[in-house]
Amino acid sequence: MQLDLNLLAALDALLEEGSVAGAAERMHVTAPAMSRSLGRIRRTTGDQILVRTGRTMTPTPYAIAVREEVHHLLHQVQGVLAPSRELELATLERTFTLRWHDSLVTSCGPALLAAVRGQAPGVRLRFIAESSVDTPGLRRGEVDLEANAGRPGAPDIRFEHVGKTRIVVVARQGHPLTRARAVTAEEYAAAEHITVSRRGSLGNAVDDALAGLGLTRRVVASVPTEAAALEFVRGSDLLVGVPEATTRSAVADLGLAVLPLPLELPPASLYLSWHQRYDSDRAHTWLRGLARTALTLGEAP
């Protein structure tokens, strides 16, 4: 059976874009040419790949099942056929998927996108939300780059420590604790709190530190993002502990008050993670460099 590797690239584009027109634009071919490629793919696989539902195209269960494998295989083929090719940023056409903590997307994402578009206008960034459960997205090729406080433990996942920041307490302007010269651990524990947890946890390291002092606090709610927590805080007497660097801009924009955390907690670390398959990928290496710069811009001194 003779296989045309061009069909692999076409299939990847079709699954990525979800339409013949979008895939044609991405591959710089005409829509009729891409439609012919889709026909050949259908005959080769025995599957429709994309089916029309109203005005849109929907991937079949088979297409969904092989999407990430196709994406991974295409990058493998590209690495084999052009391992030493110079990176031409001006003509680079590629979509990177980044799974970053929501506060990092807000505080550092715009700087990264501006840097990317300034050097490689054909590159697109797809920021996706963190899941409520740990997923092997890096290993399966679903995610190109992660940035969060979690240090990966898998041997095939590379990581780099790119910064750290202290945890601070955020409250609304006029909160009773903002009028105190210095907030004690007892006063802090006596207030009501909200936590940030994508898993919905009502406790974190702050509670462990309080327990060491014989104190407990009342956490009345948890939310999955820091942006949501700040909105809750703005309209109530709730307190929330957040990393200073990643929320500094949002706190200022919302007119909130920042207080020192009256507890001994280590600073929050920030890691950039990727799968080892991209170690020698020049485009990925370039993106990691820009991401590193964007992420360290927000690091607290």
Protein backbone atom coordinates (compact mmCIF):
# COMPACT_ATOMS: atom_id res chain seq x y z
CA MET A 1 0.00 0.00 0.00
CA GLN A 2 1.52 3.32 -1.11
CA LEU A 3 0.84 6.19 1.27
CA ASP A 4 1.05 9.88 0.41
CA LEU A 5 2.49 11.80 3.35
CA ASN A 6 0.75 14.91 2.05
CA LEU A 7 -2.49 13.27 3.17
CA LEU A 8 -1.18 13.17 6.75
CA ALA A 9 -0.61 16.93 6.67
CA ALA A 10 -4.03 17.46 5.09
CA LEU A 11 -5.70 15.25 7.68
CA ASP A 12 -3.99 17.15 10.50
CA ALA A 13 -5.17 20.47 9.05
CA LEU A 14 -8.73 19.20 8.57
CA LEU A 15 -8.94 17.90 12.14
CA GLU A 16 -7.38 21.08 13.52
CA GLU A 17 -9.58 23.50 11.57
CA GLY A 18 -12.78 21.46 11.40
CA SER A 19 -13.55 22.64 7.87
CA VAL A 20 -12.31 22.24 4.32
CA ALA A 21 -12.00 26.01 3.82
CA GLY A 22 -10.02 26.49 7.03
CA ALA A 23 -7.71 23.58 6.25
CA ALA A 24 -7.16 24.88 2.70
CA GLU A 25 -6.18 28.31 4.02
CA ARG A 26 -3.81 26.77 6.53
CA MET A 27 -2.16 24.57 3.88
CA HIS A 28 -2.10 27.38 1.29
CA VAL A 29 -4.10 25.38 -1.26
CA THR A 30 -7.48 25.92 -2.86
CA ALA A 31 -10.66 24.66 -1.26
CA PRO A 32 -11.35 22.25 -4.19
CA ALA A 33 -7.84 20.79 -3.76
CA MET A 34 -8.43 20.25 -0.04
CA SER A 35 -11.84 18.74 -0.81
CA ARG A 36 -10.12 16.24 -3.12
CA SER A 37 -7.63 15.42 -0.37
CA LEU A 38 -10.51 14.80 2.03
CA GLY A 39 -12.03 12.44 -0.52
CA ARG A 40 -8.76 10.49 -0.78
CA ILE A 41 -8.49 10.34 3.01
CA ARG A 42 -12.04 9.01 3.23
CA ARG A 43 -11.29 6.29 0.68
CA THR A 44 -8.03 5.37 2.42
CA THR A 45 -9.48 5.19 5.94
CA GLY A 46 -12.99 4.06 5.10
CA ASP A 47 -14.30 6.83 7.37
CA GLN A 48 -16.03 10.13 6.59
CA ILE A 49 -13.65 12.07 8.92
CA LEU A 50 -15.84 15.21 8.83
CA VAL A 51 -19.61 15.18 8.37
CA ARG A 52 -21.85 18.16 7.80
CA THR A 53 -24.20 19.16 10.63
CA GLY A 54 -26.11 22.22 9.52
CA ARG A 55 -23.61 24.88 8.48
CA THR A 56 -20.65 23.30 10.25
CA MET A 57 -18.55 20.16 9.93
CA THR A 58 -18.33 17.70 12.84
CA PRO A 59 -15.51 15.16 13.26
CA THR A 60 -16.52 11.52 13.38
CA PRO A 61 -15.69 9.36 16.45
CA TYR A 62 -12.80 7.86 14.47
CA ALA A 63 -11.45 11.32 13.63
CA ILE A 64 -11.62 12.37 17.28
CA ALA A 65 -9.84 9.18 18.33
CA VAL A 66 -6.90 9.65 15.94
CA ARG A 67 -6.60 13.46 16.07
CA GLU A 68 -3.73 13.66 18.54
CA GLU A 69 -1.93 10.66 17.06
CA VAL A 70 -2.06 12.28 13.62
CA HIS A 71 -0.70 15.54 15.07
CA HIS A 72 2.13 13.67 16.79
CA LEU A 73 2.98 11.60 13.70
CA LEU A 74 3.13 14.69 11.51
CA HIS A 75 5.65 16.35 13.84
CA GLN A 76 7.70 13.15 13.89
CA VAL A 77 7.77 13.05 10.10
CA GLN A 78 8.74 16.72 9.92
CA GLY A 79 11.57 16.10 12.36
CA VAL A 80 12.89 13.15 10.34
CA LEU A 81 12.69 14.85 6.96
CA ALA A 82 14.03 18.26 8.02
CA PRO A 83 16.00 17.85 11.26
CA SER A 84 18.59 20.53 10.53
CA ARG A 85 16.54 23.02 8.55
CA GLU A 86 17.00 26.61 9.66
CA LEU A 87 14.01 28.10 11.40
CA GLU A 88 12.38 30.73 9.20
CA LEU A 89 10.18 32.63 11.62
CA ALA A 90 8.77 34.97 9.00
CA THR A 91 7.21 32.04 7.12
CA LEU A 92 6.58 29.65 10.02
CA GLU A 93 3.00 28.31 10.06
CA ARG A 94 2.19 26.46 13.26
CA THR A 95 -0.34 26.31 16.07
CA PHE A 96 0.91 25.78 19.62
CA THR A 97 -1.36 24.64 22.44
CA LEU A 98 -0.52 26.05 25.85
CA ARG A 99 -2.12 24.92 29.09
CA TRP A 100 -1.39 27.67 31.58
CA HIS A 101 -2.84 28.65 34.92
CA ASP A 102 -5.56 31.24 34.33
CA SER A 103 -3.69 34.00 36.17
CA LEU A 104 -0.64 33.41 33.96
CA VAL A 105 -2.75 33.69 30.81
CA THR A 106 -4.07 37.02 32.05
CA SER A 107 -0.80 38.48 33.32
CA CYS A 108 1.74 37.05 30.85
CA GLY A 109 -0.24 35.77 27.86
CA PRO A 110 -0.58 39.15 26.10
CA ALA A 111 3.18 39.76 26.26
CA LEU A 112 3.87 36.31 24.84
CA LEU A 113 1.38 36.72 21.99
CA ALA A 114 2.82 40.14 21.09
CA ALA A 115 6.35 38.72 21.01
CA VAL A 116 5.26 35.74 18.90
CA ARG A 117 3.36 37.85 16.37
CA GLY A 118 6.22 40.32 16.14
CA GLN A 119 8.58 37.58 15.00
CA ALA A 120 6.35 34.91 13.42
CA PRO A 121 2.96 36.28 12.32
CA GLY A 122 1.96 32.87 10.95
CA VAL A 123 2.12 31.24 14.38
CA ARG A 124 -1.05 30.88 16.43
CA LEU A 125 -1.34 30.27 20.16
CA ARG A 126 -4.18 28.28 21.65
CA PHE A 127 -4.45 28.77 25.41
CA ILE A 128 -6.59 26.11 27.07
CA ALA A 129 -7.87 25.89 30.64
CA GLU A 130 -6.37 23.60 33.23
CA SER A 131 -8.39 20.47 33.89
CA SER A 132 -9.90 19.59 37.27
CA VAL A 133 -7.96 16.32 37.04
CA ASP A 134 -4.39 15.66 35.99
CA THR A 135 -4.17 14.65 32.34
CA PRO A 136 -1.22 13.34 30.27
CA GLY A 137 -1.66 16.12 27.73
CA LEU A 138 2.07 16.73 27.27
CA ARG A 139 2.84 13.05 26.76
CA ARG A 140 -0.03 12.54 24.30
CA GLY A 141 0.87 15.61 22.25
CA GLU A 142 -2.33 17.45 23.14
CA VAL A 143 -0.39 20.24 24.86
CA ASP A 144 2.89 21.79 23.71
CA LEU A 145 3.75 23.84 26.78
CA GLU A 146 2.48 24.00 30.34
CA ALA A 147 3.05 26.77 32.89
CA ASN A 148 1.88 26.43 36.48
CA ALA A 149 3.05 25.82 40.02
CA GLY A 150 3.24 22.04 39.61
CA ARG A 151 6.65 20.45 39.22
CA PRO A 152 6.24 17.41 36.93
CA GLY A 153 7.55 14.09 38.12
CA ALA A 154 7.40 11.96 34.94
CA PRO A 155 10.86 11.17 33.49
CA ASP A 156 9.84 12.05 29.93
CA ILE A 157 8.61 15.54 30.90
CA ARG A 158 11.18 18.31 30.83
CA PHE A 159 10.73 21.35 33.03
CA GLU A 160 12.38 24.61 33.93
CA HIS A 161 11.95 26.70 37.06
CA VAL A 162 11.22 30.17 35.72
CA GLY A 163 10.29 32.15 38.79
CA LYS A 164 8.76 32.42 42.22
CA THR A 165 6.52 34.87 44.01
CA ARG A 166 5.19 35.37 47.52
CA ILE A 167 1.60 34.73 48.53
CA VAL A 168 -0.33 37.84 49.58
CA VAL A 169 -3.80 38.46 50.99
CA VAL A 170 -6.28 40.39 48.86
CA ALA A 171 -9.31 42.19 50.30
CA ARG A 172 -11.72 44.89 49.19
CA GLN A 173 -10.87 48.50 49.91
CA GLY A 174 -12.41 49.35 53.26
CA HIS A 175 -12.26 45.81 54.64
CA PRO A 176 -11.88 45.98 58.45
CA LEU A 177 -8.40 44.43 58.26
CA THR A 178 -7.16 47.14 55.89
CA ARG A 179 -7.47 49.65 58.74
CA ALA A 180 -5.06 47.75 60.99
CA ARG A 181 -1.39 48.67 61.08
CA ALA A 182 -0.43 45.00 60.98
CA VAL A 183 -2.72 42.00 60.61
CA THR A 184 -2.05 39.20 63.08
CA ALA A 185 -2.48 35.51 62.34
CA GLU A 186 -5.41 35.45 64.76
CA GLU A 187 -7.18 38.33 63.00
CA TYR A 188 -6.54 36.73 59.64
CA ALA A 189 -7.93 33.37 60.78
CA ALA A 190 -11.05 35.02 62.26
CA ALA A 191 -12.09 36.44 58.87
CA GLU A 192 -14.02 34.52 56.19
CA HIS A 193 -12.12 33.22 53.20
CA ILE A 194 -12.44 31.97 49.63
CA THR A 195 -9.94 29.60 48.00
CA VAL A 196 -8.86 29.05 44.41
CA SER A 197 -8.85 25.41 43.35
CA ARG A 198 -9.56 23.78 40.02
CA ARG A 199 -10.44 20.64 41.98
CA GLY A 200 -12.82 22.47 44.31
CA SER A 201 -10.69 22.06 47.43
CA LEU A 202 -11.66 24.20 50.41
CA GLY A 203 -8.23 23.91 52.04
CA ASN A 204 -4.59 24.48 51.08
CA ALA A 205 -1.15 25.15 52.56
CA VAL A 206 -2.48 28.19 54.44
CA ASP A 207 -4.62 25.91 56.59
CA ASP A 208 -1.61 23.74 57.40
CA ALA A 209 0.33 26.83 58.50
CA LEU A 210 -2.58 27.99 60.64
CA ALA A 211 -2.91 24.56 62.21
CA GLY A 212 0.72 24.79 63.27
CA LEU A 213 -0.26 27.85 65.28
CA GLY A 214 -3.35 26.19 66.74
CA LEU A 215 -5.65 28.24 64.51
CA THR A 216 -8.34 27.43 61.96
CA ARG A 217 -10.16 29.64 59.45
CA ARG A 218 -13.59 29.48 57.86
CA VAL A 219 -13.52 28.95 54.10
CA VAL A 220 -16.99 29.65 52.75
CA ALA A 221 -16.38 28.89 49.07
CA SER A 222 -13.88 27.76 46.46
CA VAL A 223 -13.72 28.84 42.81
CA PRO A 224 -11.67 27.44 39.92
CA THR A 225 -9.91 30.67 38.85
CA GLU A 226 -8.21 33.59 40.54
CA ALA A 227 -10.17 36.03 38.39
CA ALA A 228 -13.41 34.67 39.85
CA ALA A 229 -12.03 34.81 43.39
CA LEU A 230 -11.10 38.48 43.01
CA GLU A 231 -14.64 39.28 41.89
CA PHE A 232 -16.04 37.57 44.99
CA VAL A 233 -13.62 39.51 47.18
CA ARG A 234 -14.48 42.83 45.55
CA GLY A 235 -18.10 42.62 46.64
CA SER A 236 -17.74 41.12 50.12
CA ASP A 237 -15.58 40.86 53.22
CA LEU A 238 -13.95 37.65 52.01
CA LEU A 239 -10.18 37.29 51.88
CA VAL A 240 -8.19 35.32 49.33
CA GLY A 241 -4.54 34.35 49.20
CA VAL A 242 -2.97 34.66 45.75
CA PRO A 243 0.50 34.84 44.16
CA GLU A 244 1.51 38.50 44.13
CA ALA A 245 3.23 38.55 40.75
CA THR A 246 0.52 36.92 38.65
CA THR A 247 -2.37 38.92 40.11
CA ARG A 248 -0.72 42.30 40.65
CA SER A 249 -2.26 43.89 37.56
CA ALA A 250 -5.74 42.42 38.13
CA VAL A 251 -5.75 43.55 41.75
CA ALA A 252 -4.82 47.10 40.73
CA ASP A 253 -7.45 47.20 37.97
CA LEU A 254 -10.18 46.12 40.41
CA GLY A 255 -9.09 48.60 43.08
CA LEU A 256 -8.46 45.91 45.70
CA ALA A 257 -6.18 46.09 48.73
CA VAL A 258 -3.13 43.87 49.22
CA LEU A 259 -2.04 42.79 52.70
CA PRO A 260 0.98 40.75 53.79
CA LEU A 261 0.16 37.16 54.69
CA PRO A 262 0.79 36.91 58.45
CA LEU A 263 2.15 33.38 58.12
CA GLU A 264 5.46 31.77 57.25
CA LEU A 265 4.88 30.23 53.83
CA PRO A 266 7.48 29.49 51.15
CA PRO A 267 7.11 31.45 47.91
CA ALA A 268 5.05 29.91 45.12
CA SER A 269 7.22 28.50 42.34
CA LEU A 270 6.48 28.62 38.63
CA TYR A 271 7.48 25.88 36.19
CA LEU A 272 7.50 25.67 32.41
CA SER A 273 7.02 22.06 31.21
CA TRP A 274 7.13 20.21 27.88
CA HIS A 275 7.58 16.68 26.54
CA GLN A 276 11.06 15.50 25.67
CA ARG A 277 10.05 14.92 22.04
CA TYR A 278 10.34 18.70 21.56
CA ASP A 279 13.85 19.06 22.97
CA SER A 280 15.40 19.49 19.51
CA ASP A 281 12.37 21.09 17.84
CA ARG A 282 13.64 24.53 16.83
CA ALA A 283 10.25 26.17 16.71
CA HIS A 284 9.38 24.80 20.12
CA THR A 285 12.72 25.92 21.52
CA TRP A 286 12.06 29.41 20.15
CA LEU A 287 8.61 29.49 21.75
CA ARG A 288 10.00 28.31 25.09
CA GLY A 289 12.46 31.20 25.06
CA LEU A 290 9.72 33.74 24.48
CA ALA A 291 7.49 32.11 27.10
CA ARG A 292 10.32 32.17 29.63
CA THR A 293 10.78 35.90 29.07
CA ALA A 294 7.04 36.63 29.29
CA LEU A 295 6.64 34.62 32.48
CA THR A 296 9.60 36.17 34.28
CA LEU A 297 8.32 39.69 33.53
CA GLY A 298 5.74 39.20 36.24
CA GLU A 299 8.05 37.72 38.83
CA ALA A 300 8.16 39.55 42.13
CA PRO A 301 11.58 40.89 43.14
